Amino acid sequence: MATRGKARRGGLHVVALFEALKGAVVLLAGCGVLALVHKDLHNIAVRLVQVLHMNPARRYPSIFIDAANRVTDVQLWMLALSALAYATVRLVEAYGLWQGRKWAEWFGFLSGAIYLPVELFEIWRKPDWARIVVFLVNLGVVLYLGLYLKRSGRSRRG
């Protein structure tokens, strides 16, 4: 029986590592956004378009450069703070899952389930492999946590 508990806990550890990875990636992205504060975003956008060997006069590179011209430092700070908040939530959830905390199991289940209808809509609106993979991974996490919650609730009663 102890082996089965360890195996189930191992699944929680995988989900915890996945959540921690998401938090770390968003935290790094937020730091990258902060590095752009007080910088010449127009120049950075033009250089990026050139490095990617794109024609700055074409439609999409031009839209990207124009958007870079309109971004303010306040917007960059807000984006970085939003990334910090998201990363904090994901890292706290990862810690709770790793420790086997019931609140983290419920939080992971509910926060993942909230995204499923949006992801389905996005697949319906514009299907592509990236959207499908994101949906399937999220669905797998939600189903796993749901089954884990159901089994752990049953084992406490029985």
Protein backbone atom coordinates (compact mmCIF):
# COMPACT_ATOMS: atom_id res chain seq x y z
CA MET A 1 0.00 0.00 0.00
CA ALA A 2 2.88 2.37 0.77
CA THR A 3 4.27 1.87 -2.74
CA ARG A 4 0.98 2.96 -4.30
CA GLY A 5 0.96 6.09 -2.14
CA LYS A 6 4.51 6.89 -3.24
CA ALA A 7 3.56 6.37 -6.89
CA ARG A 8 0.58 8.71 -6.55
CA ARG A 9 2.79 11.23 -4.76
CA GLY A 10 5.28 10.89 -7.61
CA GLY A 11 2.57 12.05 -9.99
CA LEU A 12 1.99 15.09 -7.79
CA HIS A 13 5.72 15.77 -7.94
CA VAL A 14 5.61 15.72 -11.75
CA VAL A 15 2.72 18.21 -11.73
CA ALA A 16 4.60 20.31 -9.14
CA LEU A 17 7.70 20.39 -11.35
CA PHE A 18 5.56 21.38 -14.35
CA GLU A 19 3.98 24.24 -12.39
CA ALA A 20 7.39 25.33 -11.08
CA LEU A 21 8.73 25.32 -14.64
CA LYS A 22 5.84 27.52 -15.80
CA GLY A 23 6.48 29.90 -12.91
CA ALA A 24 10.21 30.05 -13.60
CA VAL A 25 9.74 30.70 -17.33
CA VAL A 26 7.27 33.52 -16.68
CA LEU A 27 9.55 34.96 -13.99
CA LEU A 28 12.46 35.00 -16.46
CA ALA A 29 10.24 36.61 -19.09
CA GLY A 30 9.22 39.26 -16.56
CA CYS A 31 12.88 39.98 -15.84
CA GLY A 32 13.45 40.30 -19.57
CA VAL A 33 10.62 42.80 -19.78
CA LEU A 34 12.15 44.78 -16.90
CA ALA A 35 15.43 44.91 -18.81
CA LEU A 36 13.58 46.88 -21.51
CA VAL A 37 12.52 49.71 -19.15
CA HIS A 38 14.18 53.02 -20.15
CA LYS A 39 15.49 51.49 -23.39
CA ASP A 40 14.92 52.58 -26.98
CA LEU A 41 12.34 49.94 -27.93
CA HIS A 42 12.09 51.24 -31.50
CA ASN A 43 15.79 50.59 -32.06
CA ILE A 44 15.58 47.17 -30.38
CA ALA A 45 12.59 46.20 -32.55
CA VAL A 46 14.32 47.32 -35.75
CA ARG A 47 17.49 45.38 -34.82
CA LEU A 48 15.44 42.27 -34.00
CA VAL A 49 13.66 42.45 -37.37
CA GLN A 50 17.04 42.78 -39.09
CA VAL A 51 18.57 39.87 -37.13
CA LEU A 52 15.62 37.72 -38.23
CA HIS A 53 16.31 38.79 -41.84
CA MET A 54 12.87 40.32 -42.24
CA ASN A 55 12.00 43.34 -44.35
CA PRO A 56 10.99 46.16 -41.94
CA ALA A 57 8.72 47.60 -44.64
CA ARG A 58 6.60 44.44 -44.81
CA ARG A 59 3.30 44.26 -42.97
CA TYR A 60 4.07 42.19 -39.84
CA PRO A 61 7.55 43.56 -39.10
CA SER A 62 6.11 47.04 -39.56
CA ILE A 63 3.26 46.30 -37.11
CA PHE A 64 5.82 44.97 -34.59
CA ILE A 65 8.00 48.09 -34.90
CA ASP A 66 4.99 50.41 -34.60
CA ALA A 67 3.81 48.54 -31.49
CA ALA A 68 7.28 48.89 -29.95
CA ASN A 69 7.03 52.66 -30.49
CA ARG A 70 3.82 52.83 -28.44
CA VAL A 71 4.94 50.80 -25.40
CA THR A 72 5.56 52.92 -22.31
CA ASP A 73 7.74 52.22 -19.28
CA VAL A 74 4.60 52.05 -17.13
CA GLN A 75 3.20 49.31 -19.38
CA LEU A 76 6.48 47.39 -19.13
CA TRP A 77 6.42 47.69 -15.32
CA MET A 78 2.81 46.49 -15.22
CA LEU A 79 3.66 43.54 -17.46
CA ALA A 80 6.66 42.64 -15.28
CA LEU A 81 4.56 42.91 -12.09
CA SER A 82 1.87 40.73 -13.66
CA ALA A 83 4.53 38.17 -14.55
CA LEU A 84 5.81 38.28 -10.96
CA ALA A 85 2.29 37.73 -9.58
CA TYR A 86 1.63 34.80 -11.96
CA ALA A 87 5.02 33.25 -11.21
CA THR A 88 4.47 33.59 -7.47
CA VAL A 89 1.12 31.80 -7.70
CA ARG A 90 2.60 28.98 -9.80
CA LEU A 91 5.64 28.56 -7.53
CA VAL A 92 3.51 28.54 -4.36
CA GLU A 93 1.21 25.98 -6.01
CA ALA A 94 4.25 23.89 -6.98
CA TYR A 95 5.52 23.97 -3.40
CA GLY A 96 2.11 22.95 -2.07
CA LEU A 97 1.80 20.08 -4.56
CA TRP A 98 5.32 18.88 -3.77
CA GLN A 99 4.43 18.85 -0.07
CA GLY A 100 1.13 17.07 -0.76
CA ARG A 101 -1.02 19.91 0.55
CA LYS A 102 -4.75 19.48 -0.10
CA TRP A 103 -5.25 23.21 -0.84
CA ALA A 104 -2.64 23.00 -3.63
CA GLU A 105 -4.32 19.94 -5.15
CA TRP A 106 -7.65 21.77 -5.23
CA PHE A 107 -6.07 24.98 -6.45
CA GLY A 108 -4.24 23.18 -9.26
CA PHE A 109 -7.39 21.34 -10.28
CA LEU A 110 -9.59 24.45 -10.30
CA SER A 111 -7.07 26.82 -11.85
CA GLY A 112 -6.36 24.33 -14.63
CA ALA A 113 -10.04 23.58 -15.23
CA ILE A 114 -10.85 27.28 -15.63
CA TYR A 115 -8.63 27.44 -18.73
CA LEU A 116 -10.12 24.40 -20.50
CA PRO A 117 -13.16 26.18 -22.07
CA VAL A 118 -10.96 29.06 -23.23
CA GLU A 119 -8.44 26.65 -24.75
CA LEU A 120 -11.23 24.73 -26.50
CA PHE A 121 -12.60 27.97 -27.91
CA GLU A 122 -9.14 28.91 -29.18
CA ILE A 123 -8.79 25.51 -30.87
CA TRP A 124 -12.23 25.93 -32.45
CA ARG A 125 -11.38 29.51 -33.55
CA LYS A 126 -7.98 28.70 -35.02
CA PRO A 127 -6.82 25.09 -34.73
CA ASP A 128 -3.10 24.43 -34.67
CA TRP A 129 -0.79 21.93 -33.01
CA ALA A 130 0.44 24.31 -30.31
CA ARG A 131 -3.09 25.03 -29.07
CA ILE A 132 -3.99 21.35 -29.17
CA VAL A 133 -0.86 20.36 -27.22
CA VAL A 134 -1.47 23.04 -24.59
CA PHE A 135 -5.08 21.87 -24.22
CA LEU A 136 -4.10 18.19 -23.94
CA VAL A 137 -1.37 18.85 -21.37
CA ASN A 138 -3.72 21.01 -19.30
CA LEU A 139 -6.49 18.42 -19.62
CA GLY A 140 -4.08 15.70 -18.47
CA VAL A 141 -3.08 17.73 -15.39
CA VAL A 142 -6.72 18.50 -14.54
CA LEU A 143 -7.80 14.87 -14.97
CA TYR A 144 -4.87 13.62 -12.91
CA LEU A 145 -5.54 16.06 -10.07
CA GLY A 146 -9.27 15.33 -10.21
CA LEU A 147 -8.68 11.59 -9.92
CA TYR A 148 -6.09 12.15 -7.19
CA LEU A 149 -8.57 14.25 -5.21
CA LYS A 150 -11.30 11.68 -5.68
CA ARG A 151 -9.08 8.78 -4.56
CA SER A 152 -7.60 10.64 -1.61
CA GLY A 153 -11.10 11.66 -0.48
CA ARG A 154 -12.28 8.05 -0.75
CA SER A 155 -9.27 6.68 1.17
CA ARG A 156 -9.87 9.10 4.06
CA ARG A 157 -13.51 8.00 4.36
CA GLY A 158 -12.83 4.27 3.96
